[in-house]
Amino acid sequence: MELENSNGIENNYPPVLSLPLEKLNNDRLKQLRNHFVEKYQQEPEFFVRVPGRVNLIGEHVDYCGYSVLPMAIQYDIMLAVKPIPEPKLHLTNMDTDHNAFECDVNSFSIEVKKGESPLWHNYFLCGLQGVLEVLSTSSVGMYVVVTGNVPLSSGLSSSSALVSAAALASAHANKLNLSKLEIASLSATSERYIGTQGGGMDQAIAFLGTKGCAKHIQFNPLRSEDVKLPDGAVFVIAHSLAILNKAKTSDYNCRVAECRLATQLMAKKRGLSWEKLSCLADLQSALKASLEEMIAMVKEFLHKEPYTKSEICQELEVSEGSLDQLSLSNNTTHIQQFKLHQRALHVYQEALRVKMFQEVCSTDMKASDALTKLGELMLQSHESLQQLYECSHSSLDKLVELGKGKALGSRLTGAGWGGCIVALTTKDTVDDYINMLKEKFYKGHPAAIDKDLNSLVFSTEPNVGAEIYQVEH
């Protein structure tokens, strides 16, 4: 698809690319446009594309203030959009499993029933709500059709891509120019309306992705730099066939709470104002300590046995009600036991692995040696996620185990409890690795019957971030 930059906007803004209708030679865009015309009896004005992502290393550390190393992938969420004067959202999905939705754009609520997965349209409403909060006027209405090929509940960030796409579409429809950093930050904040206390990695890579490069993304403030991977590196994504929606359970938010409580307990023991500290990176900054020193501190100050809620209250000298208000979210106040030692130890060690991964990529090391070292770091990461963070799944562990000797290293990617692994291979070994997984993991698996195996296990390369395609009639 040949696209031209139509507006000369600088690289720090999501690109708006001119798309003449007669040059609509992309099959997915054609199908999306045809569905839009059939549904609304008119042409879309623009399309939005936001990629999914795979995190190469740095899992469950972004909400603790630490940097991550993801890359955008070729799978994405796409929207066809037409702004309309009537302040109403008309939203439909090409996937017939998802019901159409309508609401007033200036008067709606995002409702998630406890213990249930959020309805798909709520993710779109999160992005819209984020834009409404920075918009100085009332919003225009929109006709929208959604399509996506990011596997759902796979750890490849389909939900964050939809929130981000909704925010970008709503901003563009309302002629609101936001930089990549601004809209990434807005999208990360607005996803919390669904109840997920994420850290911002998914949204950052969705907008900042660079073709051919992974990204080292740092937070507070949000910033990024390209990371060139060693020559010959090929990454493979393999779905475990186990799925988990992190907004449906309290597992994910429990880990966020455990890291916050670990921060506060160690801060109290070091004589700091613990109420002012909410993440492990803030504690490290306050103490001006190295990651190695923080790892030693966890081992010294936090016992391995689970902490009861009452024990934490006693340590912090607060009532249970105060703890709920200061340290816990609405969907974690019911939890009575917390593993603080294990969670904090994983985060500090994982943050160190991210640093080492980036250093390997930036040093003038022989490519084969660099790839071996990166593979070792990925395996260490998975072992920590499995044993210390306890967010793996038997199917993820089986995929990692099968890869030993065939891949240089592999690890779960995304929140865990299901979803995908990412494996590091080379151009010479990638086909053998993929064929081995098809034979030993997917063949005969009940959940893989009637599925296209190439959509469950595939190689990927770093892709470009979000784009807007402005239709020229």
Protein backbone atom coordinates (compact mmCIF):
# COMPACT_ATOMS: atom_id res chain seq x y z
CA MET A 1 0.00 0.00 0.00
CA GLU A 2 1.56 3.28 -1.12
CA LEU A 3 0.77 6.12 1.22
CA GLU A 4 1.99 9.68 1.18
CA ASN A 5 2.36 12.02 4.14
CA SER A 6 -0.31 14.62 3.41
CA ASN A 7 0.19 17.16 6.15
CA GLY A 8 3.88 17.48 6.88
CA ILE A 9 3.33 16.92 10.61
CA GLU A 10 6.58 16.25 12.44
CA ASN A 11 7.60 12.74 13.42
CA ASN A 12 6.53 13.26 17.02
CA TYR A 13 2.86 13.18 15.92
CA PRO A 14 1.00 10.09 14.68
CA PRO A 15 1.36 10.32 10.89
CA VAL A 16 -1.66 11.27 8.79
CA LEU A 17 -1.21 9.58 5.42
CA SER A 18 -3.13 10.32 2.25
CA LEU A 19 -5.12 7.34 0.93
CA PRO A 20 -6.81 7.79 -2.48
CA LEU A 21 -9.81 5.41 -2.71
CA GLU A 22 -8.71 4.17 -6.13
CA LYS A 23 -5.44 3.00 -4.52
CA LEU A 24 -7.20 0.97 -1.82
CA ASN A 25 -5.20 -2.17 -2.58
CA ASN A 26 -5.04 -3.64 0.93
CA ASP A 27 -7.54 -6.51 1.39
CA ARG A 28 -8.32 -5.75 5.03
CA LEU A 29 -8.89 -2.06 4.31
CA LYS A 30 -11.13 -2.99 1.38
CA GLN A 31 -13.21 -5.30 3.57
CA LEU A 32 -13.37 -2.67 6.30
CA ARG A 33 -14.46 0.04 3.86
CA ASN A 34 -17.08 -2.25 2.25
CA HIS A 35 -18.52 -3.16 5.67
CA PHE A 36 -18.67 0.54 6.58
CA VAL A 37 -20.49 1.47 3.36
CA GLU A 38 -22.95 -1.41 3.75
CA LYS A 39 -23.64 -0.51 7.40
CA TYR A 40 -23.87 3.29 7.16
CA GLN A 41 -24.63 3.88 3.44
CA GLN A 42 -21.72 6.32 3.11
CA GLU A 43 -17.94 6.40 2.80
CA PRO A 44 -15.57 6.59 5.78
CA GLU A 45 -13.48 9.76 6.05
CA PHE A 46 -10.41 8.12 7.57
CA PHE A 47 -8.96 4.85 8.84
CA VAL A 48 -6.91 4.30 12.00
CA ARG A 49 -4.38 1.48 12.43
CA VAL A 50 -2.85 0.65 15.83
CA PRO A 51 -0.52 -2.38 16.18
CA GLY A 52 -0.40 -5.01 18.88
CA ARG A 53 2.92 -5.53 20.59
CA VAL A 54 5.19 -8.17 21.99
CA ASN A 55 7.35 -7.39 25.00
CA LEU A 56 10.80 -8.91 24.56
CA ILE A 57 11.79 -8.44 28.20
CA GLY A 58 10.66 -6.42 31.21
CA GLU A 59 7.42 -8.05 32.38
CA HIS A 60 5.30 -6.59 35.19
CA VAL A 61 7.76 -3.75 35.78
CA ASP A 62 6.18 -0.82 33.89
CA TYR A 63 3.62 -0.10 36.63
CA CYS A 64 6.51 -0.21 39.09
CA GLY A 65 8.21 2.66 37.22
CA TYR A 66 10.81 0.59 35.36
CA SER A 67 11.70 0.52 31.68
CA VAL A 68 10.62 -2.15 29.22
CA LEU A 69 11.77 -3.42 25.84
CA PRO A 70 8.83 -4.19 23.50
CA MET A 71 8.31 -4.00 19.76
CA ALA A 72 5.19 -3.34 17.69
CA ILE A 73 4.08 -6.31 15.57
CA GLN A 74 2.34 -6.63 12.19
CA TYR A 75 -1.00 -7.62 13.76
CA ASP A 76 -3.28 -4.65 14.50
CA ILE A 77 -6.64 -3.08 15.26
CA MET A 78 -8.13 -1.01 12.41
CA LEU A 79 -11.05 1.43 12.45
CA ALA A 80 -13.04 3.07 9.67
CA VAL A 81 -14.45 6.39 10.87
CA LYS A 82 -16.71 9.22 9.73
CA PRO A 83 -17.38 12.20 12.05
CA ILE A 84 -21.01 13.38 12.13
CA PRO A 85 -22.63 16.54 13.57
CA GLU A 86 -25.11 14.61 15.73
CA PRO A 87 -23.36 13.89 19.08
CA LYS A 88 -23.89 10.14 18.85
CA LEU A 89 -21.48 7.20 18.62
CA HIS A 90 -22.51 4.41 16.24
CA LEU A 91 -20.10 1.52 16.81
CA THR A 92 -20.03 -1.85 15.09
CA ASN A 93 -17.51 -4.70 14.83
CA MET A 94 -16.79 -6.88 11.79
CA ASP A 95 -16.56 -9.81 14.21
CA THR A 96 -20.19 -10.89 14.48
CA ASP A 97 -19.59 -12.21 18.02
CA HIS A 98 -19.52 -8.57 19.14
CA ASN A 99 -22.86 -6.73 19.24
CA ALA A 100 -23.23 -3.24 17.78
CA PHE A 101 -23.41 -0.34 20.25
CA GLU A 102 -24.76 3.22 20.29
CA CYS A 103 -24.60 6.05 22.82
CA ASP A 104 -24.54 9.82 23.19
CA VAL A 105 -20.85 10.81 22.96
CA ASN A 106 -21.20 13.41 25.71
CA SER A 107 -23.24 11.27 28.12
CA PHE A 108 -22.30 7.63 28.66
CA SER A 109 -20.97 5.35 31.40
CA ILE A 110 -18.33 2.62 31.32
CA GLU A 111 -19.80 -0.27 33.26
CA VAL A 112 -17.99 -3.50 34.12
CA LYS A 113 -19.79 -6.11 36.21
CA LYS A 114 -17.64 -7.69 38.91
CA GLY A 115 -16.24 -11.07 37.87
CA GLU A 116 -17.24 -10.61 34.22
CA SER A 117 -15.18 -9.71 31.17
CA PRO A 118 -15.80 -6.12 30.01
CA LEU A 119 -17.96 -5.88 26.89
CA TRP A 120 -15.85 -5.00 23.83
CA HIS A 121 -17.35 -1.55 23.30
CA ASN A 122 -16.22 -0.47 26.80
CA TYR A 123 -12.60 -0.48 25.59
CA PHE A 124 -13.58 1.96 22.83
CA LEU A 125 -15.43 4.12 25.36
CA CYS A 126 -12.26 4.30 27.49
CA GLY A 127 -10.35 5.95 24.64
CA LEU A 128 -13.25 8.27 23.84
CA GLN A 129 -13.57 9.28 27.51
CA GLY A 130 -9.86 10.10 27.67
CA VAL A 131 -10.19 12.50 24.72
CA LEU A 132 -13.36 14.10 26.11
CA GLU A 133 -11.45 15.02 29.26
CA VAL A 134 -8.95 17.16 27.33
CA LEU A 135 -11.39 18.47 24.72
CA SER A 136 -12.41 22.10 25.32
CA THR A 137 -15.69 21.72 23.37
CA SER A 138 -18.40 19.09 23.01
CA SER A 139 -17.41 16.11 20.88
CA VAL A 140 -18.69 15.40 17.40
CA GLY A 141 -20.45 12.09 16.82
CA MET A 142 -18.93 9.22 14.85
CA TYR A 143 -19.81 6.29 12.66
CA VAL A 144 -17.18 3.61 13.41
CA VAL A 145 -16.45 0.07 12.22
CA VAL A 146 -13.80 -1.97 14.06
CA THR A 147 -11.75 -4.92 12.85
CA GLY A 148 -8.68 -6.59 14.32
CA ASN A 149 -6.37 -9.55 13.82
CA VAL A 150 -4.50 -9.35 17.15
CA PRO A 151 -5.40 -12.64 18.89
CA LEU A 152 -7.70 -11.85 21.82
CA SER A 153 -6.54 -12.50 25.41
CA SER A 154 -3.12 -13.52 24.06
CA GLY A 155 -0.86 -11.06 25.87
CA LEU A 156 -0.29 -9.17 22.59
CA SER A 157 -2.25 -6.13 23.78
CA SER A 158 -5.44 -6.32 21.70
CA SER A 159 -7.44 -4.46 24.36
CA SER A 160 -4.87 -1.65 24.74
CA ALA A 161 -4.66 -1.37 20.95
CA LEU A 162 -8.44 -0.86 20.80
CA VAL A 163 -8.36 1.77 23.57
CA SER A 164 -5.49 3.54 21.78
CA ALA A 165 -7.23 3.34 18.39
CA ALA A 166 -10.41 4.80 19.90
CA ALA A 167 -8.45 7.67 21.47
CA LEU A 168 -6.63 8.42 18.20
CA ALA A 169 -9.84 8.27 16.16
CA SER A 170 -11.73 10.48 18.63
CA ALA A 171 -8.90 13.04 18.72
CA HIS A 172 -8.64 13.16 14.90
CA ALA A 173 -12.42 13.41 14.46
CA ASN A 174 -12.43 16.40 16.82
CA LYS A 175 -9.37 18.01 15.16
CA LEU A 176 -7.39 17.63 18.40
CA ASN A 177 -3.65 17.36 17.68
CA LEU A 178 -1.86 15.30 20.32
CA SER A 179 1.77 14.19 20.07
CA LYS A 180 2.62 10.48 20.21
CA LEU A 181 3.73 10.88 23.81
CA GLU A 182 0.59 12.81 24.79
CA ILE A 183 -1.85 10.35 23.24
CA ALA A 184 0.09 7.34 24.56
CA SER A 185 -0.10 8.78 28.07
CA LEU A 186 -3.80 9.65 27.63
CA SER A 187 -4.58 6.13 26.38
CA ALA A 188 -2.73 4.51 29.30
CA THR A 189 -4.63 6.62 31.83
CA SER A 190 -8.02 6.10 30.20
CA GLU A 191 -7.68 2.29 30.07
CA ARG A 192 -7.96 2.39 33.86
CA TYR A 193 -11.67 3.18 33.45
CA ILE A 194 -12.04 -0.52 32.66
CA GLY A 195 -10.38 -1.38 35.99
CA THR A 196 -6.91 -2.42 34.75
CA GLN A 197 -4.06 -0.72 36.63
CA GLY A 198 -1.51 -0.92 33.79
CA GLY A 199 1.75 0.95 33.56
CA GLY A 200 1.72 2.42 30.05
CA MET A 201 3.98 0.10 28.07
CA ASP A 202 1.29 -1.17 25.69
CA GLN A 203 0.12 2.29 24.71
CA ALA A 204 3.65 3.69 24.43
CA ILE A 205 4.84 1.07 21.93
CA ALA A 206 1.53 1.33 20.03
CA PHE A 207 2.38 4.93 19.13
CA LEU A 208 6.19 4.94 19.28
CA GLY A 209 6.94 1.72 17.37
CA THR A 210 9.68 1.97 14.71
CA LYS A 211 9.98 -0.43 11.78
CA GLY A 212 13.03 -2.67 12.21
CA CYS A 213 13.76 -1.71 15.82
CA ALA A 214 12.62 -2.70 19.27
CA LYS A 215 12.11 0.18 21.71
CA HIS A 216 13.57 0.85 25.13
CA ILE A 217 10.72 2.71 26.82
CA GLN A 218 11.17 4.58 30.08
CA PHE A 219 8.50 6.19 32.24
CA ASN A 220 8.00 9.28 34.42
CA PRO A 221 8.51 11.07 32.08
CA LEU A 222 7.64 8.86 29.12
CA ARG A 223 10.53 8.61 26.65
CA SER A 224 11.94 6.03 24.25
CA GLU A 225 14.94 5.08 22.16
CA ASP A 226 15.45 2.61 19.33
CA VAL A 227 17.20 -0.67 20.11
CA LYS A 228 18.79 -2.39 17.13
CA LEU A 229 18.68 -6.15 17.63
CA PRO A 230 21.69 -8.32 16.77
CA ASP A 231 22.01 -9.47 13.16
CA GLY A 232 20.14 -12.71 12.50
CA ALA A 233 17.66 -12.35 15.40
CA VAL A 234 14.17 -13.62 14.60
CA PHE A 235 11.38 -13.60 17.18
CA VAL A 236 8.56 -16.14 17.20
CA ILE A 237 5.23 -15.71 18.99
CA ALA A 238 3.44 -18.90 20.04
CA HIS A 239 -0.02 -18.98 21.62
CA SER A 240 -0.43 -21.25 24.65
CA LEU A 241 -4.15 -21.78 23.81
CA ALA A 242 -4.90 -20.73 27.39
CA ILE A 243 -6.62 -17.37 27.61
CA LEU A 244 -7.14 -14.89 30.41
CA ASN A 245 -8.77 -11.49 30.38
CA LYS A 246 -6.81 -9.48 32.95
CA ALA A 247 -9.75 -7.10 33.50
CA LYS A 248 -11.96 -10.03 34.54
CA THR A 249 -10.04 -11.19 37.63
CA SER A 250 -8.13 -9.48 40.44
CA ASP A 251 -4.88 -11.42 39.78
CA TYR A 252 -3.24 -8.63 37.80
CA ASN A 253 -4.32 -5.84 40.11
CA CYS A 254 -3.26 -7.96 43.10
CA ARG A 255 0.31 -7.95 41.76
CA VAL A 256 0.16 -4.16 41.38
CA ALA A 257 -1.00 -3.89 45.00
CA GLU A 258 1.69 -6.29 46.25
CA CYS A 259 4.42 -4.20 44.61
CA ARG A 260 2.98 -1.01 46.14
CA LEU A 261 2.81 -2.61 49.59
CA ALA A 262 6.37 -3.92 49.28
CA THR A 263 7.48 -0.37 48.41
CA GLN A 264 5.72 1.07 51.43
CA LEU A 265 6.93 -1.53 53.93
CA MET A 266 10.57 -1.12 52.89
CA ALA A 267 10.18 2.68 52.90
CA LYS A 268 8.85 2.54 56.46
CA LYS A 269 11.76 0.33 57.56
CA ARG A 270 14.19 2.87 56.04
CA GLY A 271 12.54 5.80 57.85
CA LEU A 272 10.97 7.38 54.75
CA SER A 273 7.50 8.94 54.42
CA TRP A 274 6.01 5.73 53.05
CA GLU A 275 2.60 7.28 52.27
CA LYS A 276 4.22 9.36 49.51
CA LEU A 277 5.78 6.35 47.74
CA SER A 278 3.68 4.13 45.51
CA CYS A 279 6.10 2.19 43.29
CA LEU A 280 9.38 0.32 43.63
CA ALA A 281 11.29 2.66 41.29
CA ASP A 282 10.33 5.65 43.45
CA LEU A 283 11.79 3.88 46.48
CA GLN A 284 15.05 3.22 44.63
CA SER A 285 15.23 6.90 43.61
CA ALA A 286 14.52 8.09 47.15
CA LEU A 287 17.29 5.88 48.50
CA LYS A 288 19.71 6.69 45.61
CA ALA A 289 20.54 2.97 45.53
CA SER A 290 21.55 0.63 42.70
CA LEU A 291 19.31 -2.22 41.53
CA GLU A 292 21.75 -4.66 43.11
CA GLU A 293 21.38 -2.84 46.44
CA MET A 294 17.58 -2.93 46.13
CA ILE A 295 17.70 -6.69 45.53
CA ALA A 296 19.76 -7.10 48.72
CA MET A 297 17.28 -4.89 50.59
CA VAL A 298 14.32 -7.07 49.59
CA LYS A 299 16.12 -10.13 50.92
CA GLU A 300 16.96 -8.32 54.18
CA PHE A 301 13.66 -6.55 54.93
CA LEU A 302 10.83 -8.69 53.47
CA HIS A 303 10.19 -12.23 54.68
CA LYS A 304 9.33 -14.98 52.21
CA GLU A 305 6.17 -16.08 53.98
CA PRO A 306 3.00 -14.33 52.79
CA TYR A 307 2.02 -11.22 54.73
CA THR A 308 -1.50 -11.06 56.13
CA LYS A 309 -3.42 -7.84 55.72
CA SER A 310 -3.46 -7.34 59.48
CA GLU A 311 0.35 -7.83 59.65
CA ILE A 312 0.84 -5.14 56.99
CA CYS A 313 -1.45 -2.78 58.94
CA GLN A 314 0.59 -3.46 62.07
CA GLU A 315 3.91 -2.81 60.25
CA LEU A 316 2.64 0.44 58.72
CA GLU A 317 0.75 1.43 61.89
CA VAL A 318 -2.54 2.08 60.10
CA SER A 319 -6.08 0.77 60.30
CA GLU A 320 -7.46 -1.59 57.67
CA GLY A 321 -9.67 1.21 56.34
CA SER A 322 -6.67 3.51 55.95
CA LEU A 323 -4.70 0.79 54.16
CA ASP A 324 -7.60 0.25 51.73
CA GLN A 325 -7.60 3.96 50.96
CA LEU A 326 -3.83 4.52 50.80
CA SER A 327 -2.55 1.35 49.17
CA LEU A 328 -5.28 -0.77 47.56
CA SER A 329 -7.67 -0.45 44.63
CA ASN A 330 -11.40 -1.18 44.86
CA ASN A 331 -10.95 -4.69 43.46
CA THR A 332 -8.09 -5.64 45.81
CA THR A 333 -9.46 -4.59 49.22
CA HIS A 334 -10.90 -8.10 49.75
CA ILE A 335 -7.47 -9.80 49.48
CA GLN A 336 -6.13 -11.01 52.83
CA GLN A 337 -2.65 -12.35 51.93
CA PHE A 338 0.17 -10.74 49.93
CA LYS A 339 3.54 -12.10 48.76
CA LEU A 340 5.74 -9.02 49.01
CA HIS A 341 9.23 -10.57 49.02
CA GLN A 342 8.67 -12.56 45.83
CA ARG A 343 6.99 -9.76 43.85
CA ALA A 344 9.57 -7.09 44.72
CA LEU A 345 12.48 -9.47 44.08
CA HIS A 346 11.13 -10.25 40.60
CA VAL A 347 10.68 -6.57 39.73
CA TYR A 348 14.18 -5.47 40.74
CA GLN A 349 15.83 -8.47 39.08
CA GLU A 350 13.71 -8.04 35.93
CA ALA A 351 14.59 -4.33 35.76
CA LEU A 352 18.24 -5.38 35.87
CA ARG A 353 17.65 -7.88 33.04
CA VAL A 354 16.15 -5.12 30.86
CA LYS A 355 19.27 -3.03 31.45
CA MET A 356 21.52 -5.99 30.57
CA PHE A 357 19.44 -6.83 27.45
CA GLN A 358 19.82 -3.29 26.13
CA GLU A 359 23.55 -3.28 26.90
CA VAL A 360 24.06 -6.52 24.96
CA CYS A 361 22.25 -5.01 21.96
CA SER A 362 24.36 -1.83 22.07
CA THR A 363 27.79 -3.41 22.55
CA ASP A 364 30.11 -4.42 19.74
CA MET A 365 29.79 -8.12 20.54
CA LYS A 366 29.88 -10.99 18.04
CA ALA A 367 26.28 -11.53 16.89
CA SER A 368 26.17 -15.20 17.88
CA ASP A 369 27.46 -14.42 21.38
CA ALA A 370 24.98 -11.55 21.75
CA LEU A 371 22.06 -13.78 20.71
CA THR A 372 23.11 -16.47 23.19
CA LYS A 373 23.23 -13.91 26.02
CA LEU A 374 19.81 -12.46 25.10
CA GLY A 375 18.34 -15.98 25.08
CA GLU A 376 19.72 -16.64 28.57
CA LEU A 377 18.15 -13.41 29.88
CA MET A 378 14.77 -14.38 28.41
CA LEU A 379 14.87 -17.81 30.07
CA GLN A 380 15.81 -16.21 33.41
CA SER A 381 12.87 -13.84 33.00
CA HIS A 382 10.42 -16.69 32.44
CA GLU A 383 11.73 -18.62 35.44
CA SER A 384 11.22 -15.55 37.62
CA LEU A 385 7.69 -14.94 36.28
CA GLN A 386 6.89 -18.60 36.92
CA GLN A 387 8.35 -18.92 40.41
CA LEU A 388 8.43 -15.44 41.98
CA TYR A 389 5.58 -13.61 40.24
CA GLU A 390 3.44 -16.75 39.81
CA CYS A 391 1.76 -15.47 36.65
CA SER A 392 2.66 -18.29 34.26
CA HIS A 393 0.49 -21.22 33.16
CA SER A 394 1.30 -24.90 32.58
CA SER A 395 0.81 -24.43 28.82
CA LEU A 396 3.22 -21.49 28.75
CA ASP A 397 5.75 -23.53 30.73
CA LYS A 398 5.39 -26.43 28.29
CA LEU A 399 6.07 -24.17 25.29
CA VAL A 400 9.18 -22.77 26.99
CA GLU A 401 10.39 -26.27 27.88
CA LEU A 402 9.83 -27.57 24.33
CA GLY A 403 11.92 -24.73 22.98
CA LYS A 404 15.03 -25.56 24.97
CA GLY A 405 17.66 -26.66 22.47
CA LYS A 406 15.57 -25.40 19.53
CA ALA A 407 15.30 -21.70 20.43
CA LEU A 408 17.97 -19.55 22.06
CA GLY A 409 15.50 -18.58 24.77
CA SER A 410 11.80 -17.99 25.35
CA ARG A 411 9.50 -16.49 27.95
CA LEU A 412 5.88 -15.64 28.57
CA THR A 413 4.98 -12.22 27.23
CA GLY A 414 2.18 -9.98 28.43
CA ALA A 415 0.40 -10.30 31.76
CA GLY A 416 0.60 -14.10 31.78
CA TRP A 417 -1.86 -16.64 33.20
CA GLY A 418 -2.24 -17.72 29.55
CA GLY A 419 -1.62 -15.95 26.27
CA CYS A 420 1.66 -16.22 24.37
CA ILE A 421 5.36 -16.83 24.69
CA VAL A 422 7.99 -14.99 22.67
CA ALA A 423 11.04 -16.99 21.56
CA LEU A 424 14.37 -15.86 20.16
CA THR A 425 15.56 -17.84 17.14
CA THR A 426 17.72 -17.16 14.09
CA LYS A 427 17.03 -17.07 10.36
CA ASP A 428 18.64 -20.51 10.12
CA THR A 429 16.58 -22.14 12.88
CA VAL A 430 13.19 -20.36 12.83
CA ASP A 431 11.42 -22.77 10.46
CA ASP A 432 12.57 -25.86 12.35
CA TYR A 433 11.46 -24.31 15.64
CA ILE A 434 7.99 -23.40 14.35
CA ASN A 435 7.50 -26.85 12.75
CA MET A 436 8.57 -28.54 16.00
CA LEU A 437 5.95 -26.59 17.98
CA LYS A 438 3.25 -27.39 15.43
CA GLU A 439 4.07 -31.11 15.74
CA LYS A 440 4.69 -31.37 19.49
CA PHE A 441 2.33 -28.77 20.94
CA TYR A 442 -0.49 -27.87 18.52
CA LYS A 443 -1.09 -31.13 16.64
CA GLY A 444 -4.00 -32.93 18.31
CA HIS A 445 -4.55 -30.15 20.87
CA PRO A 446 -8.34 -29.85 21.40
CA ALA A 447 -8.18 -26.03 21.33
CA ALA A 448 -6.23 -26.02 18.04
CA ILE A 449 -8.73 -28.10 16.05
CA ASP A 450 -10.07 -26.15 13.05
CA LYS A 451 -7.61 -23.32 13.77
CA ASP A 452 -5.08 -21.97 11.29
CA LEU A 453 -1.80 -22.95 12.97
CA ASN A 454 -0.03 -20.06 11.22
CA SER A 455 -2.16 -17.68 13.29
CA LEU A 456 -1.12 -19.45 16.52
CA VAL A 457 2.64 -19.62 15.94
CA PHE A 458 4.45 -17.18 13.67
CA SER A 459 7.65 -15.21 13.30
CA THR A 460 7.45 -11.43 13.58
CA GLU A 461 9.62 -8.39 13.09
CA PRO A 462 9.44 -4.89 14.60
CA ASN A 463 6.68 -2.83 12.97
CA VAL A 464 5.78 0.86 12.81
CA GLY A 465 3.40 2.45 15.32
CA ALA A 466 -0.08 3.93 14.93
CA GLU A 467 -1.11 5.68 11.69
CA ILE A 468 -4.12 7.56 10.34
CA TYR A 469 -5.08 7.11 6.67
CA GLN A 470 -7.07 10.10 5.40
CA VAL A 471 -9.38 9.06 2.55
CA GLU A 472 -9.25 11.03 -0.71
CA HIS A 473 -12.40 10.60 -2.80
